[in-house]
Amino acid sequence: MLTKETVIDQVEVTRDGHVQIRRADLFIEDGVEVAKNYHRHVLSPGDNTDKEDAKVSAVAAAVWTTDVVDAYQKAQELLRSIDA
Protein backbone atom coordinates (compact mmCIF):
# COMPACT_ATOMS: atom_id res chain seq x y z
CA MET A 1 0.00 0.00 0.00
CA LEU A 2 1.30 3.45 -0.94
CA THR A 3 1.19 6.13 1.75
CA LYS A 4 2.24 9.77 1.84
CA GLU A 5 4.03 11.37 4.79
CA THR A 6 4.76 15.10 4.99
CA VAL A 7 7.66 16.34 7.10
CA ILE A 8 9.51 19.60 7.63
CA ASP A 9 13.01 18.37 6.98
CA GLN A 10 14.97 21.63 6.87
CA VAL A 11 14.69 25.03 8.54
CA GLU A 12 17.38 27.64 7.87
CA VAL A 13 17.82 31.20 9.09
CA THR A 14 19.59 33.79 6.95
CA ARG A 15 21.66 36.61 8.39
CA ASP A 16 18.85 39.12 7.87
CA GLY A 17 16.36 36.90 9.70
CA HIS A 18 14.51 35.17 6.89
CA VAL A 19 13.40 31.66 7.79
CA GLN A 20 13.65 29.23 4.88
CA ILE A 21 11.57 26.06 5.12
CA ARG A 22 11.85 22.86 3.12
CA ARG A 23 8.94 20.43 3.32
CA ALA A 24 9.34 16.88 2.04
CA ASP A 25 6.45 14.76 0.81
CA LEU A 26 7.57 11.16 1.24
CA PHE A 27 5.85 8.36 -0.66
CA ILE A 28 6.23 5.05 1.13
CA GLU A 29 5.30 1.62 -0.15
CA ASP A 30 5.60 -1.44 2.09
CA GLY A 31 7.85 0.51 4.49
CA VAL A 32 10.24 1.66 1.74
CA GLU A 33 10.49 5.26 0.52
CA VAL A 34 9.86 5.10 -3.22
CA ALA A 35 9.67 8.82 -4.03
CA LYS A 36 10.17 12.23 -2.46
CA ASN A 37 9.11 15.74 -3.50
CA TYR A 38 10.41 18.96 -1.97
CA HIS A 39 8.53 22.22 -1.52
CA ARG A 40 10.16 25.40 -0.22
CA HIS A 41 8.94 28.70 1.11
CA VAL A 42 10.43 31.66 2.96
CA LEU A 43 9.13 33.73 5.86
CA SER A 44 10.26 37.29 6.43
CA PRO A 45 10.86 38.71 9.92
CA GLY A 46 7.51 39.56 11.47
CA ASP A 47 5.40 37.32 9.20
CA ASN A 48 2.49 35.44 10.74
CA THR A 49 3.49 31.88 11.64
CA ASP A 50 0.11 30.66 12.96
CA LYS A 51 -0.31 28.17 10.09
CA GLU A 52 3.28 26.92 10.15
CA ASP A 53 4.58 23.72 11.70
CA ALA A 54 5.34 24.10 15.44
CA LYS A 55 9.09 23.70 14.78
CA VAL A 56 9.04 26.55 12.27
CA SER A 57 7.07 28.80 14.62
CA ALA A 58 9.51 28.07 17.44
CA VAL A 59 12.53 28.95 15.29
CA ALA A 60 10.89 32.18 14.11
CA ALA A 61 9.95 33.16 17.67
CA ALA A 62 13.52 32.59 18.83
CA VAL A 63 15.13 34.49 15.95
CA TRP A 64 12.70 37.35 15.37
CA THR A 65 13.60 39.63 18.24
CA THR A 66 12.26 43.18 18.20
CA ASP A 67 15.66 44.36 16.93
CA VAL A 68 15.64 41.87 14.02
CA VAL A 69 12.07 42.75 12.95
CA ASP A 70 12.74 46.50 13.25
CA ALA A 71 15.96 46.25 11.22
CA TYR A 72 14.18 44.25 8.52
CA GLN A 73 11.31 46.74 8.31
CA LYS A 74 13.73 49.68 8.10
CA ALA A 75 15.65 47.96 5.30
CA GLN A 76 12.39 47.37 3.40
CA GLU A 77 11.40 51.03 3.79
CA LEU A 78 14.80 52.10 2.48
CA LEU A 79 14.45 49.82 -0.55
CA ARG A 80 10.96 51.16 -1.29
CA SER A 81 12.24 54.75 -1.13
CA ILE A 82 15.03 53.95 -3.58
CA ASP A 83 12.59 52.28 -6.01
CA ALA A 84 10.18 55.24 -5.86
C-alpha atoms as a PDB file:
ATOM      1  CA  MET A   1       0.000   0.000   0.000  1.00  0.00           C
ATOM      2  CA  LEU A   2       1.296   3.451  -0.941  1.00  0.00           C
ATOM      3  CA  THR A   3       1.192   6.130   1.750  1.00  0.00           C
ATOM      4  CA  LYS A   4       2.242   9.770   1.844  1.00  0.00           C
ATOM      5  CA  GLU A   5       4.029  11.370   4.792  1.00  0.00           C
ATOM      6  CA  THR A   6       4.756  15.101   4.989  1.00  0.00           C
ATOM      7  CA  VAL A   7       7.661  16.338   7.099  1.00  0.00           C
ATOM      8  CA  ILE A   8       9.513  19.598   7.627  1.00  0.00           C
ATOM      9  CA  ASP A   9      13.014  18.374   6.979  1.00  0.00           C
ATOM     10  CA  GLN A  10      14.965  21.629   6.874  1.00  0.00           C
ATOM     11  CA  VAL A  11      14.692  25.031   8.543  1.00  0.00           C
ATOM     12  CA  GLU A  12      17.384  27.638   7.865  1.00  0.00           C
ATOM     13  CA  VAL A  13      17.821  31.196   9.093  1.00  0.00           C
ATOM     14  CA  THR A  14      19.590  33.787   6.946  1.00  0.00           C
ATOM     15  CA  ARG A  15      21.664  36.612   8.389  1.00  0.00           C
ATOM     16  CA  ASP A  16      18.847  39.121   7.871  1.00  0.00           C
ATOM     17  CA  GLY A  17      16.361  36.904   9.705  1.00  0.00           C
ATOM     18  CA  HIS A  18      14.506  35.175   6.886  1.00  0.00           C
ATOM     19  CA  VAL A  19      13.398  31.659   7.787  1.00  0.00           C
ATOM     20  CA  GLN A  20      13.649  29.228   4.876  1.00  0.00           C
ATOM     21  CA  ILE A  21      11.573  26.062   5.124  1.00  0.00           C
ATOM     22  CA  ARG A  22      11.846  22.860   3.117  1.00  0.00           C
ATOM     23  CA  ARG A  23       8.937  20.428   3.317  1.00  0.00           C
ATOM     24  CA  ALA A  24       9.341  16.885   2.038  1.00  0.00           C
ATOM     25  CA  ASP A  25       6.451  14.764   0.808  1.00  0.00           C
ATOM     26  CA  LEU A  26       7.568  11.163   1.238  1.00  0.00           C
ATOM     27  CA  PHE A  27       5.849   8.364  -0.660  1.00  0.00           C
ATOM     28  CA  ILE A  28       6.231   5.053   1.126  1.00  0.00           C
ATOM     29  CA  GLU A  29       5.298   1.618  -0.149  1.00  0.00           C
ATOM     30  CA  ASP A  30       5.600  -1.439   2.093  1.00  0.00           C
ATOM     31  CA  GLY A  31       7.850   0.510   4.487  1.00  0.00           C
ATOM     32  CA  VAL A  32      10.236   1.661   1.738  1.00  0.00           C
ATOM     33  CA  GLU A  33      10.489   5.257   0.523  1.00  0.00           C
ATOM     34  CA  VAL A  34       9.858   5.104  -3.222  1.00  0.00           C
ATOM     35  CA  ALA A  35       9.672   8.821  -4.029  1.00  0.00           C
ATOM     36  CA  LYS A  36      10.173  12.226  -2.457  1.00  0.00           C
ATOM     37  CA  ASN A  37       9.108  15.738  -3.503  1.00  0.00           C
ATOM     38  CA  TYR A  38      10.411  18.956  -1.970  1.00  0.00           C
ATOM     39  CA  HIS A  39       8.527  22.221  -1.519  1.00  0.00           C
ATOM     40  CA  ARG A  40      10.161  25.397  -0.218  1.00  0.00           C
ATOM     41  CA  HIS A  41       8.944  28.702   1.111  1.00  0.00           C
ATOM     42  CA  VAL A  42      10.434  31.658   2.962  1.00  0.00           C
ATOM     43  CA  LEU A  43       9.126  33.727   5.857  1.00  0.00           C
ATOM     44  CA  SER A  44      10.260  37.294   6.432  1.00  0.00           C
ATOM     45  CA  PRO A  45      10.859  38.712   9.919  1.00  0.00           C
ATOM     46  CA  GLY A  46       7.509  39.558  11.470  1.00  0.00           C
ATOM     47  CA  ASP A  47       5.401  37.321   9.196  1.00  0.00           C
ATOM     48  CA  ASN A  48       2.490  35.444  10.737  1.00  0.00           C
ATOM     49  CA  THR A  49       3.494  31.877  11.644  1.00  0.00           C
ATOM     50  CA  ASP A  50       0.108  30.661  12.955  1.00  0.00           C
ATOM     51  CA  LYS A  51      -0.315  28.175  10.091  1.00  0.00           C
ATOM     52  CA  GLU A  52       3.276  26.924  10.148  1.00  0.00           C
ATOM     53  CA  ASP A  53       4.577  23.719  11.703  1.00  0.00           C
ATOM     54  CA  ALA A  54       5.340  24.095  15.444  1.00  0.00           C
ATOM     55  CA  LYS A  55       9.092  23.702  14.780  1.00  0.00           C
ATOM     56  CA  VAL A  56       9.041  26.551  12.265  1.00  0.00           C
ATOM     57  CA  SER A  57       7.067  28.804  14.617  1.00  0.00           C
ATOM     58  CA  ALA A  58       9.510  28.070  17.438  1.00  0.00           C
ATOM     59  CA  VAL A  59      12.534  28.948  15.294  1.00  0.00           C
ATOM     60  CA  ALA A  60      10.892  32.177  14.106  1.00  0.00           C
ATOM     61  CA  ALA A  61       9.950  33.160  17.670  1.00  0.00           C
ATOM     62  CA  ALA A  62      13.521  32.595  18.826  1.00  0.00           C
ATOM     63  CA  VAL A  63      15.126  34.490  15.948  1.00  0.00           C
ATOM     64  CA  TRP A  64      12.704  37.351  15.372  1.00  0.00           C
ATOM     65  CA  THR A  65      13.597  39.631  18.239  1.00  0.00           C
ATOM     66  CA  THR A  66      12.257  43.182  18.199  1.00  0.00           C
ATOM     67  CA  ASP A  67      15.656  44.361  16.925  1.00  0.00           C
ATOM     68  CA  VAL A  68      15.636  41.873  14.021  1.00  0.00           C
ATOM     69  CA  VAL A  69      12.075  42.753  12.955  1.00  0.00           C
ATOM     70  CA  ASP A  70      12.737  46.504  13.253  1.00  0.00           C
ATOM     71  CA  ALA A  71      15.963  46.248  11.220  1.00  0.00           C
ATOM     72  CA  TYR A  72      14.185  44.248   8.518  1.00  0.00           C
ATOM     73  CA  GLN A  73      11.309  46.741   8.312  1.00  0.00           C
ATOM     74  CA  LYS A  74      13.728  49.685   8.100  1.00  0.00           C
ATOM     75  CA  ALA A  75      15.648  47.963   5.297  1.00  0.00           C
ATOM     76  CA  GLN A  76      12.394  47.369   3.396  1.00  0.00           C
ATOM     77  CA  GLU A  77      11.396  51.034   3.792  1.00  0.00           C
ATOM     78  CA  LEU A  78      14.799  52.099   2.477  1.00  0.00           C
ATOM     79  CA  LEU A  79      14.450  49.817  -0.549  1.00  0.00           C
ATOM     80  CA  ARG A  80      10.960  51.164  -1.293  1.00  0.00           C
ATOM     81  CA  SER A  81      12.239  54.747  -1.134  1.00  0.00           C
ATOM     82  CA  ILE A  82      15.028  53.946  -3.577  1.00  0.00           C
ATOM     83  CA  ASP A  83      12.592  52.284  -6.012  1.00  0.00           C
ATOM     84  CA  ALA A  84      10.179  55.235  -5.862  1.00  0.00           C
END
